[in-house]
């Protein structure tokens, strides 16, 4: 009986003491395609985009920065709204689909059966600011046919200006730069098709 009484009165006592709920001040970010939207009518090529391999320091909910001395800074208030690997495959699929006019360029998990001819594999090595003004995106990628010989891996590196310059409270410039970097990757892949 005492336990029940304590469980019922504790919330009332805490409220009476002036303890207010803590306000969540975190900002959730989402990557978006930047290749111009257009009506897509084609069905070819059929490419599945696998979730990219990420370094473990990037595979987290927080946005990560690296200092010149190899120190990592994780922002506890700026978070990804979806896993970063999932976001990269989703945005790459949309960008590439718009460039190639194909409805059949999708993240691999969106295919119900093996209806694609090629699998795009991406291995990210860097995807963060190298300075307050520039974002570096380094990866390797390959278009692996479902049947056939093993495809060659290709390197990709781009540096995108961060504009406007980020502050600890506003990281929208970084997210915009990441979107631009993914569009550059999609354009390079489209040239190889």
Protein backbone atom coordinates (compact mmCIF):
# COMPACT_ATOMS: atom_id res chain seq x y z
CA UNK A 1 0.00 0.00 0.00
CA UNK A 2 2.86 2.38 0.83
CA UNK A 3 4.47 1.67 -2.54
CA UNK A 4 1.24 2.48 -4.39
CA UNK A 5 0.79 5.68 -2.42
CA UNK A 6 4.40 6.70 -3.13
CA UNK A 7 4.01 5.96 -6.86
CA UNK A 8 0.86 8.09 -7.02
CA UNK A 9 2.18 11.05 -5.05
CA UNK A 10 5.74 11.32 -6.43
CA UNK A 11 4.71 12.98 -9.74
CA UNK A 12 2.56 15.47 -7.81
CA UNK A 13 5.40 16.31 -5.46
CA UNK A 14 7.85 16.82 -8.34
CA UNK A 15 5.38 19.07 -10.16
CA UNK A 16 4.82 21.08 -6.98
CA UNK A 17 8.60 21.58 -6.63
CA UNK A 18 8.67 23.43 -9.94
CA UNK A 19 10.43 20.78 -12.01
CA UNK A 20 9.36 21.39 -15.60
CA UNK A 21 9.82 18.97 -18.47
CA UNK A 22 13.07 19.39 -20.39
CA UNK A 23 12.60 20.92 -23.83
CA UNK A 24 14.23 19.02 -26.69
CA UNK A 25 16.39 21.56 -28.54
CA UNK A 26 17.88 19.12 -31.03
CA UNK A 27 17.64 19.74 -34.78
CA UNK A 28 17.10 16.78 -37.11
CA UNK A 29 18.65 17.01 -40.58
CA UNK A 30 17.73 15.18 -43.76
CA UNK A 31 19.73 14.86 -46.97
CA UNK A 32 17.82 15.88 -50.13
CA UNK A 33 18.41 15.41 -53.85
CA UNK A 34 19.49 18.55 -55.70
CA UNK A 35 19.40 17.31 -59.30
CA UNK A 36 16.43 19.21 -60.77
CA UNK A 37 13.14 17.35 -60.54
CA UNK A 38 11.50 16.25 -63.78
CA UNK A 39 8.87 13.82 -64.99
CA UNK A 40 10.52 10.41 -65.16
CA UNK A 41 9.04 7.97 -67.68
CA UNK A 42 11.81 5.46 -68.43
CA UNK A 43 12.42 2.04 -66.93
CA UNK A 44 16.05 1.59 -67.89
CA UNK A 45 18.67 1.30 -66.58
CA UNK A 46 17.61 -0.83 -63.62
CA UNK A 47 20.15 -0.14 -60.87
CA UNK A 48 19.97 -1.02 -57.19
CA UNK A 49 21.86 1.27 -54.85
CA UNK A 50 23.30 -0.63 -51.89
CA UNK A 51 23.71 1.09 -48.56
CA UNK A 52 27.20 2.53 -48.62
CA UNK A 53 29.90 1.33 -46.27
CA UNK A 54 30.73 4.12 -43.82
CA UNK A 55 33.65 4.56 -41.45
CA UNK A 56 32.41 3.78 -37.95
CA UNK A 57 32.93 7.36 -36.77
CA UNK A 58 30.36 8.57 -39.34
CA UNK A 59 27.90 5.76 -38.70
CA UNK A 60 26.04 7.49 -35.88
CA UNK A 61 23.08 9.78 -35.33
CA UNK A 62 25.14 12.89 -34.55
CA UNK A 63 26.74 15.10 -37.20
CA UNK A 64 30.49 14.61 -36.91
CA UNK A 65 33.38 17.00 -37.55
CA UNK A 66 37.09 16.22 -37.60
CA UNK A 67 39.73 18.69 -36.43
CA UNK A 68 43.17 18.99 -37.96
CA UNK A 69 44.69 16.97 -35.11
CA UNK A 70 42.45 13.97 -35.72
CA UNK A 71 40.05 14.93 -32.94
CA UNK A 72 36.38 14.13 -33.56
CA UNK A 73 33.61 16.47 -32.52
CA UNK A 74 30.09 15.09 -32.29
CA UNK A 75 27.25 17.56 -32.11
CA UNK A 76 24.67 16.27 -29.65
CA UNK A 77 22.04 18.76 -30.81
CA UNK A 78 22.33 18.27 -34.58
CA UNK A 79 21.16 14.77 -35.49
CA UNK A 80 20.36 12.83 -38.64
CA UNK A 81 16.66 12.14 -39.14
CA UNK A 82 17.54 8.77 -40.73
CA UNK A 83 20.67 6.61 -40.76
CA UNK A 84 23.34 8.30 -42.90
CA UNK A 85 23.94 5.22 -45.06
CA UNK A 86 20.23 4.99 -45.84
CA UNK A 87 20.08 8.70 -46.68
CA UNK A 88 23.06 8.46 -49.04
CA UNK A 89 21.54 5.54 -50.98
CA UNK A 90 18.11 7.22 -51.12
CA UNK A 91 19.45 10.56 -52.37
CA UNK A 92 21.86 8.92 -54.83
CA UNK A 93 19.00 6.84 -56.26
CA UNK A 94 16.80 9.91 -56.75
CA UNK A 95 19.60 12.02 -58.26
CA UNK A 96 20.69 9.23 -60.61
CA UNK A 97 17.10 8.38 -61.55
CA UNK A 98 16.48 12.01 -62.54
CA UNK A 99 19.70 12.16 -64.55
CA UNK A 100 19.01 8.88 -66.36
CA UNK A 101 15.19 9.22 -66.67
CA UNK A 102 14.68 5.86 -64.98
CA UNK A 103 12.10 4.80 -62.42
CA UNK A 104 14.16 1.66 -61.79
CA UNK A 105 17.05 3.26 -59.94
CA UNK A 106 16.25 2.66 -56.30
CA UNK A 107 17.81 1.67 -53.00
CA UNK A 108 18.31 -2.09 -53.00
CA UNK A 109 15.76 -2.63 -50.23
CA UNK A 110 13.05 -1.07 -52.43
CA UNK A 111 13.30 -3.93 -54.95
CA UNK A 112 10.92 -6.79 -54.20
CA UNK A 113 12.76 -9.26 -56.42
CA UNK A 114 16.04 -9.23 -58.30
CA UNK A 115 14.64 -6.90 -60.99
CA UNK A 116 17.81 -4.89 -61.43
CA UNK A 117 20.73 -5.53 -63.76
CA UNK A 118 23.39 -3.62 -61.83
CA UNK A 119 24.25 -2.96 -58.19
CA UNK A 120 25.91 0.34 -57.30
CA UNK A 121 28.35 -0.16 -54.42
CA UNK A 122 29.77 2.85 -52.58
CA UNK A 123 32.45 2.91 -49.87
CA UNK A 124 32.70 6.26 -48.13
CA UNK A 125 36.03 7.20 -46.55
CA UNK A 126 35.30 10.88 -45.70
CA UNK A 127 32.11 12.94 -45.67
CA UNK A 128 32.68 15.87 -43.33
CA UNK A 129 34.11 19.40 -43.27
CA UNK A 130 37.88 19.67 -43.61
CA UNK A 131 37.61 23.31 -42.52
CA UNK A 132 34.74 25.65 -41.61
CA UNK A 133 34.59 26.63 -45.29
CA UNK A 134 34.87 23.30 -47.18
CA UNK A 135 33.32 19.84 -47.06
CA UNK A 136 35.28 16.83 -48.34
CA UNK A 137 33.54 13.81 -49.83
CA UNK A 138 35.80 10.86 -50.66
CA UNK A 139 34.58 7.45 -51.69
CA UNK A 140 35.02 4.62 -54.12
CA UNK A 141 32.19 3.25 -56.22
CA UNK A 142 31.51 0.57 -58.77
CA UNK A 143 28.62 -0.54 -60.96
CA UNK A 144 28.60 -4.30 -60.44
CA UNK A 145 26.56 -6.26 -63.02
CA UNK A 146 24.34 -8.92 -61.43
CA UNK A 147 25.73 -11.45 -63.89
CA UNK A 148 29.16 -11.03 -65.35
CA UNK A 149 32.69 -10.26 -64.32
CA UNK A 150 33.66 -8.17 -61.31
CA UNK A 151 33.61 -4.47 -62.13
CA UNK A 152 36.48 -2.08 -61.45
CA UNK A 153 36.28 0.21 -58.45
CA UNK A 154 36.57 3.93 -59.20
CA UNK A 155 37.74 6.67 -56.85
CA UNK A 156 35.76 9.86 -56.29
CA UNK A 157 36.77 12.98 -54.41
CA UNK A 158 35.17 16.39 -54.33
CA UNK A 159 35.49 19.48 -52.17
CA UNK A 160 32.33 21.58 -51.84
CA UNK A 161 32.24 25.07 -50.33
CA UNK A 162 30.09 25.37 -47.22
CA UNK A 163 27.84 28.37 -47.68
CA UNK A 164 26.73 30.03 -45.54
CA UNK A 165 29.51 29.26 -43.10
CA UNK A 166 28.28 26.99 -40.32
CA UNK A 167 28.09 27.98 -36.71
CA UNK A 168 27.75 25.55 -33.82
CA UNK A 169 24.01 26.33 -33.72
CA UNK A 170 23.32 26.24 -37.47
CA UNK A 171 24.65 23.45 -39.67
CA UNK A 172 22.42 23.96 -42.72
CA UNK A 173 25.40 25.01 -44.86
CA UNK A 174 27.06 21.66 -44.22
CA UNK A 175 23.94 19.67 -45.12
CA UNK A 176 23.55 21.71 -48.33
CA UNK A 177 27.21 20.99 -49.20
CA UNK A 178 26.63 17.27 -48.56
CA UNK A 179 23.61 17.35 -50.91
CA UNK A 180 25.75 19.05 -53.59
CA UNK A 181 28.54 16.47 -53.13
CA UNK A 182 26.06 13.60 -53.65
CA UNK A 183 24.78 15.28 -56.83
CA UNK A 184 28.37 15.49 -58.13
CA UNK A 185 28.81 11.78 -57.44
CA UNK A 186 25.56 10.96 -59.28
CA UNK A 187 26.70 12.99 -62.31
CA UNK A 188 30.00 11.08 -62.42
CA UNK A 189 28.20 7.74 -62.21
CA UNK A 190 25.76 8.83 -64.94
CA UNK A 191 28.69 9.60 -67.25
CA UNK A 192 29.91 6.02 -66.77
CA UNK A 193 26.57 4.44 -67.77
